[in-house]
Amino acid sequence: MRAMLYNPMRLSSATETSACGGHCHQVMVRSESGWRSRQLREENVWFDNPPSAELRASLKE
């Protein structure tokens, strides 16, 4: 299965919203209790207004 994704986000210390988008590639399998995801891979195609390197570094501390 392939689906498009759109993910708006705001980091806790950020003042602006960022967003990324792309495709999800998912392998589904049928089990006795219904459909289950076997594998999920996200393919990011674009990123709008990415957080600054300084902001990303401050979150790792």
N, C-alpha and C. Protein backbone atom coordinates (compact mmCIF):
# COMPACT_ATOMS: atom_id res chain seq x y z
N MET A 1 0.85 -1.17 0.00
CA MET A 1 0.00 0.00 0.00
C MET A 1 0.90 1.23 0.00
N ARG A 2 0.52 2.24 -0.74
CA ARG A 2 1.25 3.50 -0.76
C ARG A 2 0.25 4.62 -0.53
N ALA A 3 0.58 5.52 0.40
CA ALA A 3 -0.30 6.64 0.71
C ALA A 3 0.54 7.90 0.85
N MET A 4 -0.08 9.05 0.60
CA MET A 4 0.60 10.33 0.78
C MET A 4 0.50 10.73 2.25
N LEU A 5 1.52 11.46 2.73
CA LEU A 5 1.48 11.93 4.11
C LEU A 5 1.73 13.43 4.16
N TYR A 6 1.10 14.07 5.12
CA TYR A 6 1.30 15.49 5.43
C TYR A 6 1.37 15.60 6.94
N ASN A 7 2.47 16.15 7.45
CA ASN A 7 2.68 16.16 8.89
C ASN A 7 3.05 17.56 9.37
N PRO A 8 2.06 18.38 9.76
CA PRO A 8 2.39 19.66 10.38
C PRO A 8 2.84 19.42 11.81
N MET A 9 3.81 20.21 12.27
CA MET A 9 4.33 20.01 13.63
C MET A 9 4.88 21.31 14.19
N ARG A 10 4.91 21.38 15.50
CA ARG A 10 5.56 22.50 16.19
C ARG A 10 6.32 21.92 17.37
N LEU A 11 7.62 22.14 17.37
CA LEU A 11 8.44 21.69 18.50
C LEU A 11 8.09 22.51 19.72
N SER A 12 8.27 21.94 20.89
CA SER A 12 7.81 22.58 22.12
C SER A 12 8.40 23.97 22.33
N SER A 13 9.63 24.21 21.92
CA SER A 13 10.25 25.52 22.12
C SER A 13 10.24 26.38 20.85
N ALA A 14 9.56 25.95 19.80
CA ALA A 14 9.50 26.69 18.54
C ALA A 14 8.35 27.69 18.56
N THR A 15 8.49 28.74 17.78
CA THR A 15 7.43 29.74 17.66
C THR A 15 6.64 29.59 16.37
N GLU A 16 7.18 28.82 15.41
CA GLU A 16 6.52 28.65 14.12
C GLU A 16 6.25 27.17 13.86
N THR A 17 5.30 26.92 12.99
CA THR A 17 4.95 25.56 12.60
C THR A 17 5.79 25.13 11.41
N SER A 18 6.26 23.90 11.45
CA SER A 18 6.96 23.27 10.33
C SER A 18 6.05 22.20 9.75
N ALA A 19 6.35 21.76 8.55
CA ALA A 19 5.56 20.68 7.95
C ALA A 19 6.45 19.88 7.00
N CYS A 20 6.15 18.59 6.92
CA CYS A 20 6.84 17.74 5.94
C CYS A 20 5.78 16.88 5.25
N GLY A 21 6.16 16.36 4.11
CA GLY A 21 5.24 15.53 3.36
C GLY A 21 5.99 14.52 2.52
N GLY A 22 5.28 13.52 2.09
CA GLY A 22 5.88 12.49 1.26
C GLY A 22 4.95 11.32 1.10
N HIS A 23 5.53 10.12 1.12
CA HIS A 23 4.77 8.89 0.89
C HIS A 23 5.04 7.88 1.99
N CYS A 24 4.02 7.13 2.35
CA CYS A 24 4.15 5.99 3.26
C CYS A 24 4.04 4.73 2.41
N HIS A 25 4.99 3.84 2.57
CA HIS A 25 4.96 2.53 1.90
C HIS A 25 4.72 1.50 2.99
N GLN A 26 3.63 0.77 2.89
CA GLN A 26 3.26 -0.15 3.96
C GLN A 26 2.93 -1.52 3.39
N VAL A 27 3.46 -2.55 4.04
CA VAL A 27 3.15 -3.93 3.68
C VAL A 27 2.15 -4.45 4.71
N MET A 28 1.00 -4.89 4.24
CA MET A 28 -0.06 -5.39 5.11
C MET A 28 -0.19 -6.90 4.94
N VAL A 29 -0.53 -7.58 6.03
CA VAL A 29 -0.77 -9.02 5.99
C VAL A 29 -2.10 -9.31 6.67
N ARG A 30 -2.75 -10.35 6.20
CA ARG A 30 -4.04 -10.74 6.77
C ARG A 30 -3.80 -11.79 7.85
N SER A 31 -4.33 -11.56 9.03
CA SER A 31 -4.22 -12.53 10.13
C SER A 31 -5.63 -13.00 10.49
N GLU A 32 -5.71 -13.92 11.42
CA GLU A 32 -7.02 -14.41 11.85
C GLU A 32 -7.86 -13.31 12.48
N SER A 33 -7.19 -12.32 13.10
CA SER A 33 -7.93 -11.24 13.77
C SER A 33 -8.06 -9.98 12.91
N GLY A 34 -7.64 -10.05 11.65
CA GLY A 34 -7.78 -8.90 10.75
C GLY A 34 -6.46 -8.51 10.11
N TRP A 35 -6.46 -7.36 9.45
CA TRP A 35 -5.26 -6.89 8.76
C TRP A 35 -4.27 -6.31 9.76
N ARG A 36 -2.98 -6.58 9.52
CA ARG A 36 -1.89 -6.08 10.37
C ARG A 36 -0.78 -5.51 9.48
N SER A 37 -0.11 -4.52 10.01
CA SER A 37 1.02 -3.93 9.30
C SER A 37 2.27 -4.76 9.55
N ARG A 38 2.93 -5.17 8.49
CA ARG A 38 4.17 -5.94 8.62
C ARG A 38 5.38 -5.01 8.52
N GLN A 39 5.29 -4.00 7.67
CA GLN A 39 6.42 -3.09 7.46
C GLN A 39 5.89 -1.72 7.07
N LEU A 40 6.52 -0.66 7.60
CA LEU A 40 6.15 0.71 7.26
C LEU A 40 7.42 1.50 6.99
N ARG A 41 7.47 2.17 5.84
CA ARG A 41 8.61 3.01 5.49
C ARG A 41 8.07 4.36 5.04
N GLU A 42 8.59 5.44 5.62
CA GLU A 42 8.20 6.79 5.22
C GLU A 42 9.26 7.35 4.27
N GLU A 43 8.80 7.92 3.18
CA GLU A 43 9.67 8.56 2.19
C GLU A 43 9.37 10.06 2.22
N ASN A 44 10.22 10.82 2.91
CA ASN A 44 10.02 12.26 2.98
C ASN A 44 10.43 12.90 1.67
N VAL A 45 9.53 13.70 1.10
CA VAL A 45 9.76 14.33 -0.19
C VAL A 45 10.04 15.82 -0.03
N TRP A 46 9.41 16.46 0.93
CA TRP A 46 9.61 17.90 1.13
C TRP A 46 9.51 18.26 2.60
N PHE A 47 10.11 19.41 2.95
CA PHE A 47 10.08 19.92 4.32
C PHE A 47 9.95 21.43 4.21
N ASP A 48 8.90 22.00 4.79
CA ASP A 48 8.63 23.43 4.75
C ASP A 48 8.94 24.04 6.11
N ASN A 49 9.74 25.09 6.12
CA ASN A 49 10.08 25.82 7.35
C ASN A 49 10.71 24.90 8.40
N PRO A 50 11.81 24.22 8.06
CA PRO A 50 12.42 23.31 9.04
C PRO A 50 12.94 24.06 10.25
N PRO A 51 12.93 23.43 11.42
CA PRO A 51 13.47 24.08 12.62
C PRO A 51 14.96 24.37 12.43
N SER A 52 15.44 25.43 13.03
CA SER A 52 16.85 25.81 12.90
C SER A 52 17.74 24.76 13.55
N ALA A 53 19.00 24.73 13.13
CA ALA A 53 19.96 23.79 13.71
C ALA A 53 20.13 24.06 15.20
N GLU A 54 20.09 25.32 15.59
CA GLU A 54 20.24 25.66 17.01
C GLU A 54 19.08 25.09 17.83
N LEU A 55 17.87 25.21 17.31
CA LEU A 55 16.70 24.69 18.02
C LEU A 55 16.77 23.18 18.13
N ARG A 56 17.14 22.51 17.04
CA ARG A 56 17.25 21.05 17.08
C ARG A 56 18.32 20.61 18.08
N ALA A 57 19.45 21.33 18.11
CA ALA A 57 20.53 20.99 19.04
C ALA A 57 20.09 21.18 20.49
N SER A 58 19.31 22.22 20.76
CA SER A 58 18.87 22.47 22.14
C SER A 58 17.94 21.38 22.65
N LEU A 59 17.22 20.71 21.74
CA LEU A 59 16.31 19.64 22.15
C LEU A 59 17.06 18.37 22.53
N LYS A 60 18.28 18.21 22.01
CA LYS A 60 19.07 17.01 22.29
C LYS A 60 19.76 17.09 23.65
N GLU A 61 19.87 18.27 24.21
CA GLU A 61 20.57 18.45 25.49
C GLU A 61 19.76 17.96 26.66
